[in-house]
N, C-alpha and C. Protein backbone atom coordinates (compact mmCIF):
# COMPACT_ATOMS: atom_id res chain seq x y z
N UNK A 1 -5.62 9.38 -8.49
CA UNK A 1 -5.51 10.41 -7.49
C UNK A 1 -4.60 9.97 -6.35
N UNK A 2 -4.66 8.66 -6.01
CA UNK A 2 -3.78 8.17 -4.96
C UNK A 2 -2.33 8.32 -5.36
N UNK A 3 -2.03 8.17 -6.64
CA UNK A 3 -0.67 8.36 -7.14
C UNK A 3 -0.21 9.78 -6.89
N UNK A 4 -1.08 10.74 -7.14
CA UNK A 4 -0.73 12.15 -6.91
C UNK A 4 -0.49 12.39 -5.42
N UNK A 5 -1.33 11.81 -4.58
CA UNK A 5 -1.16 11.98 -3.13
C UNK A 5 0.15 11.35 -2.67
N UNK A 6 0.47 10.17 -3.21
CA UNK A 6 1.74 9.52 -2.84
C UNK A 6 2.92 10.36 -3.30
N UNK A 7 2.79 10.96 -4.49
CA UNK A 7 3.87 11.80 -5.01
C UNK A 7 4.06 13.03 -4.11
N UNK A 8 2.93 13.65 -3.69
CA UNK A 8 3.03 14.81 -2.81
C UNK A 8 3.68 14.41 -1.49
N UNK A 9 3.29 13.26 -0.95
CA UNK A 9 3.87 12.80 0.31
C UNK A 9 5.35 12.53 0.12
N UNK A 10 5.72 11.91 -1.00
CA UNK A 10 7.14 11.66 -1.27
C UNK A 10 7.89 12.97 -1.39
N UNK A 11 7.28 13.96 -2.03
CA UNK A 11 7.92 15.27 -2.17
C UNK A 11 8.08 15.92 -0.81
N UNK A 12 7.03 15.87 0.01
CA UNK A 12 7.10 16.44 1.36
C UNK A 12 8.14 15.70 2.17
N UNK A 13 8.17 14.37 2.04
CA UNK A 13 9.16 13.58 2.77
C UNK A 13 10.56 13.96 2.32
N UNK A 14 10.74 14.12 1.03
CA UNK A 14 12.05 14.54 0.53
C UNK A 14 12.45 15.89 1.07
N UNK A 15 11.51 16.80 1.12
CA UNK A 15 11.80 18.11 1.69
C UNK A 15 12.12 17.98 3.17
N UNK A 16 11.39 17.12 3.85
CA UNK A 16 11.66 16.92 5.27
C UNK A 16 13.06 16.38 5.47
N UNK A 17 13.44 15.44 4.65
CA UNK A 17 14.77 14.86 4.79
C UNK A 17 15.83 15.90 4.50
N UNK A 18 15.57 16.75 3.51
CA UNK A 18 16.57 17.80 3.23
C UNK A 18 16.67 18.73 4.43
N UNK A 19 15.53 18.97 5.11
CA UNK A 19 15.57 19.77 6.33
C UNK A 19 16.28 19.00 7.43
N UNK A 20 16.03 17.70 7.46
CA UNK A 20 16.55 16.87 8.52
C UNK A 20 18.06 16.68 8.43
N UNK A 21 18.54 16.37 7.26
CA UNK A 21 19.93 15.98 7.11
C UNK A 21 20.84 17.16 6.86
N UNK A 22 20.31 18.18 6.23
CA UNK A 22 21.14 19.34 5.89
C UNK A 22 21.64 20.03 7.15
N UNK A 23 22.84 20.51 7.08
CA UNK A 23 23.39 21.26 8.20
C UNK A 23 22.83 22.67 8.17
N UNK A 24 22.72 23.34 9.33
CA UNK A 24 22.18 24.70 9.34
C UNK A 24 23.03 25.63 8.50
N UNK A 25 22.38 26.57 7.91
CA UNK A 25 23.07 27.53 7.06
C UNK A 25 23.16 28.84 7.84
N UNK A 26 24.31 29.10 8.44
CA UNK A 26 24.44 30.27 9.28
C UNK A 26 24.45 31.56 8.47
N UNK A 27 24.70 31.46 7.18
CA UNK A 27 24.71 32.66 6.34
C UNK A 27 23.32 33.29 6.24
N UNK A 28 22.27 32.54 6.55
CA UNK A 28 20.92 33.08 6.47
C UNK A 28 20.58 33.94 7.67
N UNK A 29 21.36 33.89 8.69
CA UNK A 29 21.10 34.70 9.88
C UNK A 29 21.52 36.13 9.63
N UNK A 30 20.70 37.04 10.07
CA UNK A 30 21.04 38.45 9.95
C UNK A 30 21.86 38.90 11.13
N UNK A 31 22.35 40.15 11.09
CA UNK A 31 23.09 40.67 12.22
C UNK A 31 22.21 40.71 13.46
N UNK A 32 22.80 40.51 14.66
CA UNK A 32 22.01 40.54 15.88
C UNK A 32 21.30 41.89 16.01
N UNK A 33 20.06 41.84 16.47
CA UNK A 33 19.31 43.06 16.69
C UNK A 33 18.51 43.51 15.47
N UNK A 34 18.84 43.02 14.31
CA UNK A 34 18.10 43.39 13.10
C UNK A 34 17.22 42.22 12.71
N UNK A 35 15.92 42.47 12.56
CA UNK A 35 14.98 41.42 12.19
C UNK A 35 14.59 41.59 10.73
N UNK A 36 14.62 40.51 10.02
CA UNK A 36 14.15 40.51 8.64
C UNK A 36 12.83 39.76 8.60
N UNK A 37 12.00 40.05 7.59
CA UNK A 37 10.78 39.26 7.45
C UNK A 37 11.15 37.78 7.27
N UNK A 38 10.48 36.92 8.00
CA UNK A 38 10.74 35.49 7.87
C UNK A 38 11.96 35.00 8.63
N UNK A 39 12.65 35.90 9.33
CA UNK A 39 13.86 35.49 10.03
C UNK A 39 13.56 34.45 11.10
N UNK A 40 12.46 34.61 11.82
CA UNK A 40 12.11 33.64 12.85
C UNK A 40 11.89 32.26 12.22
N UNK A 41 11.23 32.23 11.07
CA UNK A 41 10.98 30.96 10.38
C UNK A 41 12.28 30.32 9.95
N UNK A 42 13.20 31.14 9.42
CA UNK A 42 14.50 30.63 8.97
C UNK A 42 15.26 30.05 10.16
N UNK A 43 15.27 30.76 11.27
CA UNK A 43 15.98 30.27 12.45
C UNK A 43 15.35 29.00 12.99
N UNK A 44 14.02 28.94 12.96
CA UNK A 44 13.34 27.73 13.40
C UNK A 44 13.70 26.56 12.50
N UNK A 45 13.72 26.78 11.18
CA UNK A 45 14.10 25.72 10.24
C UNK A 45 15.53 25.27 10.49
N UNK A 46 16.41 26.20 10.80
CA UNK A 46 17.81 25.84 11.07
C UNK A 46 17.91 24.97 12.32
N UNK A 47 17.18 25.32 13.35
CA UNK A 47 17.20 24.51 14.57
C UNK A 47 16.63 23.11 14.30
N UNK A 48 15.55 23.07 13.53
CA UNK A 48 14.94 21.78 13.21
C UNK A 48 15.91 20.94 12.39
N UNK A 49 16.57 21.56 11.40
CA UNK A 49 17.55 20.83 10.59
C UNK A 49 18.64 20.23 11.47
N UNK A 50 19.17 21.03 12.37
CA UNK A 50 20.26 20.56 13.23
C UNK A 50 19.78 19.40 14.11
N UNK A 51 18.62 19.56 14.74
CA UNK A 51 18.11 18.52 15.63
C UNK A 51 17.75 17.26 14.87
N UNK A 52 17.07 17.43 13.75
CA UNK A 52 16.65 16.27 12.99
C UNK A 52 17.83 15.61 12.30
N UNK A 53 18.79 16.40 11.85
CA UNK A 53 20.00 15.84 11.25
C UNK A 53 20.74 14.96 12.24
N UNK A 54 20.82 15.44 13.46
CA UNK A 54 21.49 14.64 14.50
C UNK A 54 20.70 13.37 14.79
N UNK A 55 19.37 13.49 14.83
CA UNK A 55 18.53 12.32 15.05
C UNK A 55 18.72 11.31 13.92
N UNK A 56 18.74 11.80 12.68
CA UNK A 56 18.90 10.91 11.52
C UNK A 56 20.26 10.21 11.59
N UNK A 57 21.30 10.95 11.89
CA UNK A 57 22.64 10.35 12.00
C UNK A 57 22.66 9.29 13.10
N UNK A 58 22.03 9.59 14.23
CA UNK A 58 21.99 8.64 15.35
C UNK A 58 21.19 7.40 14.97
N UNK A 59 20.00 7.60 14.40
CA UNK A 59 19.13 6.48 14.04
C UNK A 59 19.80 5.55 13.02
N UNK A 60 20.57 6.15 12.11
CA UNK A 60 21.22 5.34 11.07
C UNK A 60 22.62 4.89 11.50
N UNK A 61 23.10 5.38 12.64
CA UNK A 61 24.43 5.00 13.11
C UNK A 61 25.54 5.54 12.22
N UNK A 62 25.40 6.80 11.77
CA UNK A 62 26.37 7.39 10.85
C UNK A 62 27.43 8.20 11.58
N UNK A 63 28.60 8.22 11.00
CA UNK A 63 29.65 9.12 11.49
C UNK A 63 29.33 10.52 10.97
N UNK A 64 30.05 11.52 11.45
CA UNK A 64 29.82 12.89 10.96
C UNK A 64 30.10 12.98 9.47
N UNK A 65 31.16 12.30 9.01
CA UNK A 65 31.50 12.32 7.59
C UNK A 65 30.38 11.68 6.76
N UNK A 66 29.88 10.54 7.21
CA UNK A 66 28.79 9.88 6.49
C UNK A 66 27.54 10.76 6.49
N UNK A 67 27.27 11.40 7.61
CA UNK A 67 26.13 12.30 7.69
C UNK A 67 26.25 13.45 6.71
N UNK A 68 27.45 14.00 6.58
CA UNK A 68 27.67 15.11 5.65
C UNK A 68 27.52 14.62 4.20
N UNK A 69 28.04 13.43 3.92
CA UNK A 69 27.91 12.88 2.57
C UNK A 69 26.44 12.59 2.24
N UNK A 70 25.71 12.07 3.23
CA UNK A 70 24.29 11.82 3.03
C UNK A 70 23.55 13.14 2.79
N UNK A 71 23.89 14.15 3.56
CA UNK A 71 23.28 15.46 3.39
C UNK A 71 23.49 16.00 1.98
N UNK A 72 24.70 15.88 1.48
CA UNK A 72 25.00 16.34 0.12
C UNK A 72 24.18 15.58 -0.91
N UNK A 73 24.09 14.27 -0.74
CA UNK A 73 23.34 13.44 -1.69
C UNK A 73 21.87 13.81 -1.66
N UNK A 74 21.32 13.96 -0.46
CA UNK A 74 19.91 14.30 -0.32
C UNK A 74 19.63 15.64 -0.98
N UNK A 75 20.50 16.60 -0.75
CA UNK A 75 20.29 17.93 -1.34
C UNK A 75 20.36 17.87 -2.87
N UNK A 76 21.31 17.11 -3.40
CA UNK A 76 21.42 16.98 -4.86
C UNK A 76 20.13 16.43 -5.46
N UNK A 77 19.62 15.37 -4.86
CA UNK A 77 18.42 14.75 -5.40
C UNK A 77 17.18 15.58 -5.11
N UNK A 78 17.21 16.34 -4.03
CA UNK A 78 16.06 17.19 -3.71
C UNK A 78 15.88 18.27 -4.76
N UNK A 79 16.96 18.82 -5.26
CA UNK A 79 16.88 19.82 -6.33
C UNK A 79 16.19 19.21 -7.55
N UNK A 80 16.59 18.01 -7.91
CA UNK A 80 15.99 17.34 -9.06
C UNK A 80 14.52 16.99 -8.80
N UNK A 81 14.23 16.56 -7.58
CA UNK A 81 12.87 16.19 -7.22
C UNK A 81 11.95 17.42 -7.27
N UNK A 82 12.44 18.55 -6.78
CA UNK A 82 11.64 19.78 -6.83
C UNK A 82 11.36 20.18 -8.27
N UNK A 83 12.36 20.04 -9.14
CA UNK A 83 12.18 20.37 -10.55
C UNK A 83 11.09 19.49 -11.16
N UNK A 84 11.13 18.20 -10.87
CA UNK A 84 10.08 17.30 -11.37
C UNK A 84 8.72 17.69 -10.79
N UNK A 85 8.70 18.08 -9.54
CA UNK A 85 7.45 18.50 -8.91
C UNK A 85 6.85 19.72 -9.58
N UNK A 86 7.70 20.68 -9.94
CA UNK A 86 7.21 21.88 -10.64
C UNK A 86 6.66 21.49 -12.01
N UNK A 87 7.37 20.60 -12.70
CA UNK A 87 6.89 20.15 -14.00
C UNK A 87 5.54 19.44 -13.87
N UNK A 88 5.41 18.63 -12.83
CA UNK A 88 4.15 17.91 -12.63
C UNK A 88 3.01 18.88 -12.34
N UNK A 89 3.27 19.90 -11.55
CA UNK A 89 2.23 20.89 -11.27
C UNK A 89 1.80 21.61 -12.54
N UNK A 90 2.76 22.00 -13.35
CA UNK A 90 2.44 22.68 -14.60
C UNK A 90 1.62 21.76 -15.51
N UNK A 91 2.01 20.49 -15.56
CA UNK A 91 1.30 19.53 -16.38
C UNK A 91 -0.13 19.33 -15.86
N UNK A 92 -0.29 19.25 -14.56
CA UNK A 92 -1.62 19.10 -13.98
C UNK A 92 -2.51 20.29 -14.32
N UNK A 93 -1.93 21.49 -14.28
CA UNK A 93 -2.70 22.69 -14.64
C UNK A 93 -3.17 22.62 -16.09
N UNK A 94 -2.28 22.16 -16.97
CA UNK A 94 -2.67 22.03 -18.39
C UNK A 94 -3.76 20.98 -18.57
N UNK A 95 -3.65 19.85 -17.87
CA UNK A 95 -4.67 18.81 -17.96
C UNK A 95 -5.99 19.35 -17.42
N UNK A 96 -5.94 20.03 -16.29
CA UNK A 96 -7.15 20.59 -15.70
C UNK A 96 -7.78 21.61 -16.64
N UNK A 97 -6.97 22.48 -17.23
CA UNK A 97 -7.49 23.48 -18.16
C UNK A 97 -8.18 22.80 -19.35
N UNK A 98 -7.55 21.78 -19.88
CA UNK A 98 -8.12 21.08 -21.03
C UNK A 98 -9.45 20.43 -20.66
N UNK A 99 -9.49 19.79 -19.51
CA UNK A 99 -10.72 19.10 -19.12
C UNK A 99 -11.81 20.08 -18.71
N UNK A 100 -11.47 21.18 -18.06
CA UNK A 100 -12.47 22.17 -17.66
C UNK A 100 -13.06 22.91 -18.85
N UNK A 101 -12.23 23.12 -19.85
CA UNK A 101 -12.71 23.82 -21.04
C UNK A 101 -13.65 22.93 -21.86
N UNK A 102 -13.64 21.65 -21.57
CA UNK A 102 -14.51 20.73 -22.28
C UNK A 102 -14.08 20.49 -23.72
N UNK A 103 -12.85 20.89 -24.01
CA UNK A 103 -12.35 20.70 -25.37
C UNK A 103 -12.08 19.23 -25.62
N UNK A 104 -12.14 18.87 -26.86
CA UNK A 104 -11.82 17.50 -27.22
C UNK A 104 -10.67 17.51 -28.21
N UNK A 105 -9.64 18.26 -27.87
CA UNK A 105 -8.45 18.35 -28.71
C UNK A 105 -7.64 17.08 -28.50
N UNK A 106 -7.84 16.13 -29.36
CA UNK A 106 -7.20 14.82 -29.22
C UNK A 106 -5.68 14.92 -29.29
N UNK A 107 -5.18 15.77 -30.15
CA UNK A 107 -3.72 15.90 -30.29
C UNK A 107 -3.10 16.45 -29.00
N UNK A 108 -3.75 17.45 -28.42
CA UNK A 108 -3.24 18.00 -27.16
C UNK A 108 -3.34 16.96 -26.04
N UNK A 109 -4.39 16.18 -26.03
CA UNK A 109 -4.55 15.12 -25.03
C UNK A 109 -3.43 14.09 -25.17
N UNK A 110 -3.11 13.72 -26.41
CA UNK A 110 -2.02 12.77 -26.64
C UNK A 110 -0.70 13.35 -26.14
N UNK A 111 -0.48 14.62 -26.44
CA UNK A 111 0.76 15.28 -25.98
C UNK A 111 0.84 15.27 -24.46
N UNK A 112 -0.26 15.57 -23.79
CA UNK A 112 -0.27 15.59 -22.32
C UNK A 112 -0.04 14.19 -21.75
N UNK A 113 -0.66 13.19 -22.33
CA UNK A 113 -0.45 11.82 -21.88
C UNK A 113 1.01 11.39 -22.06
N UNK A 114 1.58 11.76 -23.20
CA UNK A 114 3.00 11.45 -23.45
C UNK A 114 3.90 12.13 -22.43
N UNK A 115 3.59 13.39 -22.12
CA UNK A 115 4.38 14.12 -21.12
C UNK A 115 4.23 13.49 -19.73
N UNK A 116 3.01 13.03 -19.41
CA UNK A 116 2.79 12.37 -18.12
C UNK A 116 3.63 11.10 -18.01
N UNK A 117 3.64 10.31 -19.08
CA UNK A 117 4.42 9.07 -19.09
C UNK A 117 5.91 9.36 -18.97
N UNK A 118 6.37 10.37 -19.70
CA UNK A 118 7.79 10.74 -19.65
C UNK A 118 8.18 11.22 -18.25
N UNK A 119 7.28 11.95 -17.61
CA UNK A 119 7.55 12.45 -16.26
C UNK A 119 7.66 11.28 -15.29
N UNK A 120 6.76 10.31 -15.40
CA UNK A 120 6.83 9.14 -14.51
C UNK A 120 8.13 8.35 -14.72
N UNK A 121 8.55 8.24 -15.98
CA UNK A 121 9.82 7.56 -16.26
C UNK A 121 10.99 8.30 -15.61
N UNK A 122 10.99 9.62 -15.73
CA UNK A 122 12.07 10.40 -15.12
C UNK A 122 12.05 10.27 -13.60
N UNK A 123 10.86 10.21 -13.00
CA UNK A 123 10.76 10.00 -11.56
C UNK A 123 11.36 8.65 -11.17
N UNK A 124 11.05 7.62 -11.96
CA UNK A 124 11.60 6.28 -11.68
C UNK A 124 13.11 6.28 -11.84
N UNK A 125 13.61 6.92 -12.88
CA UNK A 125 15.05 7.00 -13.09
C UNK A 125 15.74 7.75 -11.95
N UNK A 126 15.09 8.81 -11.48
CA UNK A 126 15.64 9.56 -10.35
C UNK A 126 15.70 8.68 -9.10
N UNK A 127 14.66 7.91 -8.87
CA UNK A 127 14.62 7.01 -7.73
C UNK A 127 15.76 5.99 -7.79
N UNK A 128 15.95 5.41 -8.96
CA UNK A 128 17.01 4.41 -9.14
C UNK A 128 18.38 5.04 -8.91
N UNK A 129 18.60 6.23 -9.47
CA UNK A 129 19.88 6.93 -9.29
C UNK A 129 20.10 7.28 -7.83
N UNK A 130 19.04 7.70 -7.16
CA UNK A 130 19.15 8.05 -5.74
C UNK A 130 19.53 6.83 -4.92
N UNK A 131 18.91 5.68 -5.23
CA UNK A 131 19.24 4.46 -4.48
C UNK A 131 20.70 4.09 -4.66
N UNK A 132 21.19 4.22 -5.88
CA UNK A 132 22.59 3.90 -6.14
C UNK A 132 23.50 4.83 -5.35
N UNK A 133 23.17 6.13 -5.32
CA UNK A 133 23.99 7.09 -4.58
C UNK A 133 23.93 6.82 -3.09
N UNK A 134 22.75 6.52 -2.58
CA UNK A 134 22.62 6.22 -1.15
C UNK A 134 23.43 4.99 -0.77
N UNK A 135 23.47 4.00 -1.66
CA UNK A 135 24.22 2.77 -1.37
C UNK A 135 25.72 2.98 -1.44
N UNK A 136 26.16 4.09 -2.02
CA UNK A 136 27.58 4.44 -1.96
C UNK A 136 27.95 4.93 -0.56
N UNK A 137 26.96 5.41 0.18
CA UNK A 137 27.18 6.00 1.50
C UNK A 137 26.73 5.07 2.61
N UNK A 138 25.59 4.42 2.39
CA UNK A 138 24.94 3.60 3.42
C UNK A 138 24.94 2.13 3.02
N UNK A 139 24.78 1.29 4.02
CA UNK A 139 24.57 -0.13 3.74
C UNK A 139 23.13 -0.30 3.25
N UNK A 140 22.82 -1.42 2.62
CA UNK A 140 21.43 -1.63 2.18
C UNK A 140 20.42 -1.54 3.33
N UNK A 141 20.77 -2.07 4.50
CA UNK A 141 19.86 -1.98 5.65
C UNK A 141 19.68 -0.53 6.07
N UNK A 142 20.76 0.26 6.06
CA UNK A 142 20.65 1.67 6.40
C UNK A 142 19.78 2.42 5.38
N UNK A 143 19.87 2.04 4.12
CA UNK A 143 19.04 2.68 3.09
C UNK A 143 17.57 2.41 3.40
N UNK A 144 17.24 1.16 3.78
CA UNK A 144 15.86 0.85 4.14
C UNK A 144 15.42 1.65 5.37
N UNK A 145 16.29 1.74 6.36
CA UNK A 145 15.97 2.54 7.56
C UNK A 145 15.78 4.01 7.18
N UNK A 146 16.64 4.49 6.31
CA UNK A 146 16.55 5.87 5.83
C UNK A 146 15.17 6.12 5.22
N UNK A 147 14.73 5.20 4.36
CA UNK A 147 13.41 5.36 3.73
C UNK A 147 12.30 5.34 4.77
N UNK A 148 12.40 4.45 5.74
CA UNK A 148 11.38 4.39 6.80
C UNK A 148 11.36 5.69 7.59
N UNK A 149 12.54 6.21 7.93
CA UNK A 149 12.61 7.48 8.66
C UNK A 149 12.05 8.62 7.83
N UNK A 150 12.37 8.63 6.55
CA UNK A 150 11.89 9.69 5.66
C UNK A 150 10.37 9.64 5.58
N UNK A 151 9.82 8.44 5.51
CA UNK A 151 8.36 8.31 5.45
C UNK A 151 7.72 8.78 6.76
N UNK A 152 8.32 8.40 7.88
CA UNK A 152 7.80 8.84 9.18
C UNK A 152 7.83 10.36 9.28
N UNK A 153 8.93 10.96 8.86
CA UNK A 153 9.04 12.41 8.91
C UNK A 153 8.01 13.07 8.01
N UNK A 154 7.80 12.51 6.83
CA UNK A 154 6.79 13.04 5.92
C UNK A 154 5.40 12.99 6.54
N UNK A 155 5.10 11.88 7.21
CA UNK A 155 3.80 11.75 7.87
C UNK A 155 3.67 12.76 9.00
N UNK A 156 4.73 12.96 9.77
CA UNK A 156 4.70 13.96 10.85
C UNK A 156 4.47 15.36 10.30
N UNK A 157 5.17 15.67 9.23
CA UNK A 157 5.02 17.00 8.62
C UNK A 157 3.60 17.16 8.10
N UNK A 158 3.06 16.12 7.48
CA UNK A 158 1.70 16.18 6.97
C UNK A 158 0.72 16.42 8.10
N UNK A 159 0.85 15.69 9.20
CA UNK A 159 -0.04 15.88 10.35
C UNK A 159 0.11 17.29 10.92
N UNK A 160 1.36 17.77 10.99
CA UNK A 160 1.61 19.11 11.51
C UNK A 160 0.93 20.15 10.63
N UNK A 161 1.08 20.01 9.31
CA UNK A 161 0.47 20.98 8.39
C UNK A 161 -1.05 20.93 8.47
N UNK A 162 -1.59 19.73 8.59
CA UNK A 162 -3.05 19.61 8.72
C UNK A 162 -3.51 20.28 10.00
N UNK A 163 -2.75 20.11 11.08
CA UNK A 163 -3.07 20.78 12.34
C UNK A 163 -2.97 22.29 12.23
N UNK A 164 -1.96 22.76 11.51
CA UNK A 164 -1.79 24.20 11.31
C UNK A 164 -2.96 24.76 10.52
N UNK A 165 -3.37 24.05 9.47
CA UNK A 165 -4.51 24.52 8.67
C UNK A 165 -5.76 24.54 9.51
N UNK A 166 -5.94 23.52 10.34
CA UNK A 166 -7.12 23.47 11.20
C UNK A 166 -7.15 24.62 12.18
N UNK A 167 -6.01 24.92 12.77
CA UNK A 167 -5.94 26.05 13.70
C UNK A 167 -6.14 27.36 12.96
N UNK A 168 -5.54 27.47 11.78
CA UNK A 168 -5.67 28.71 11.01
C UNK A 168 -7.12 28.93 10.61
N UNK A 169 -7.82 27.88 10.27
CA UNK A 169 -9.23 28.01 9.90
C UNK A 169 -10.10 28.35 11.10
N UNK A 170 -9.70 27.92 12.28
CA UNK A 170 -10.47 28.20 13.49
C UNK A 170 -10.15 29.55 14.08
N UNK A 171 -8.99 30.09 13.81
CA UNK A 171 -8.58 31.37 14.37
C UNK A 171 -9.14 32.48 13.52
N UNK A 172 -9.70 33.48 14.16
CA UNK A 172 -10.16 34.65 13.45
C UNK A 172 -11.55 34.50 12.86
N UNK A 173 -12.22 33.39 13.16
CA UNK A 173 -13.58 33.23 12.67
C UNK A 173 -14.49 34.16 13.42
N UNK A 174 -15.44 34.70 12.70
CA UNK A 174 -16.41 35.59 13.32
C UNK A 174 -17.77 34.91 13.31
N UNK A 175 -18.55 35.34 14.21
CA UNK A 175 -19.90 34.79 14.28
C UNK A 175 -19.95 33.63 15.23
N UNK A 176 -21.08 33.43 15.85
CA UNK A 176 -21.24 32.30 16.75
C UNK A 176 -20.59 32.52 18.09
N UNK A 177 -19.98 33.71 18.35
CA UNK A 177 -19.34 33.95 19.65
C UNK A 177 -20.22 34.76 20.50
């Protein structure tokens, strides 16, 4: 279970970094005066990306060109990481269904275990490829700093989400007032 939690944190951290390093996408903004559903969220994400991207560039001592190259690399690997995350979720649902049904289909269990092992191998391969790409842009020390920053951002996002859930659970409660 700790492995799953670490994977979720790594996924959240990866998403945070993609938010952090990616440049704002002005094409997502609607015409002035017209509000779309979620527009406020999109604009907030764009501001966060810009601010955090600048912070990441400053913390790592990157030029604008290096920051843009890092952003591209992070986005490329984030697409692959999300794909693996979706596969892992689907696999977990199948494992859960098999175990909840109480079936003892040994062949299906073997297939699921094989898929789990293959998924972990692909995650490791993705990590290795990502490190190689990062080292084309950053020095080894900067890569280590990048990982530390990504982990810190993931932890911040996790705390923020936990706080949001706590507030959401406390808001709108009835009774006891």
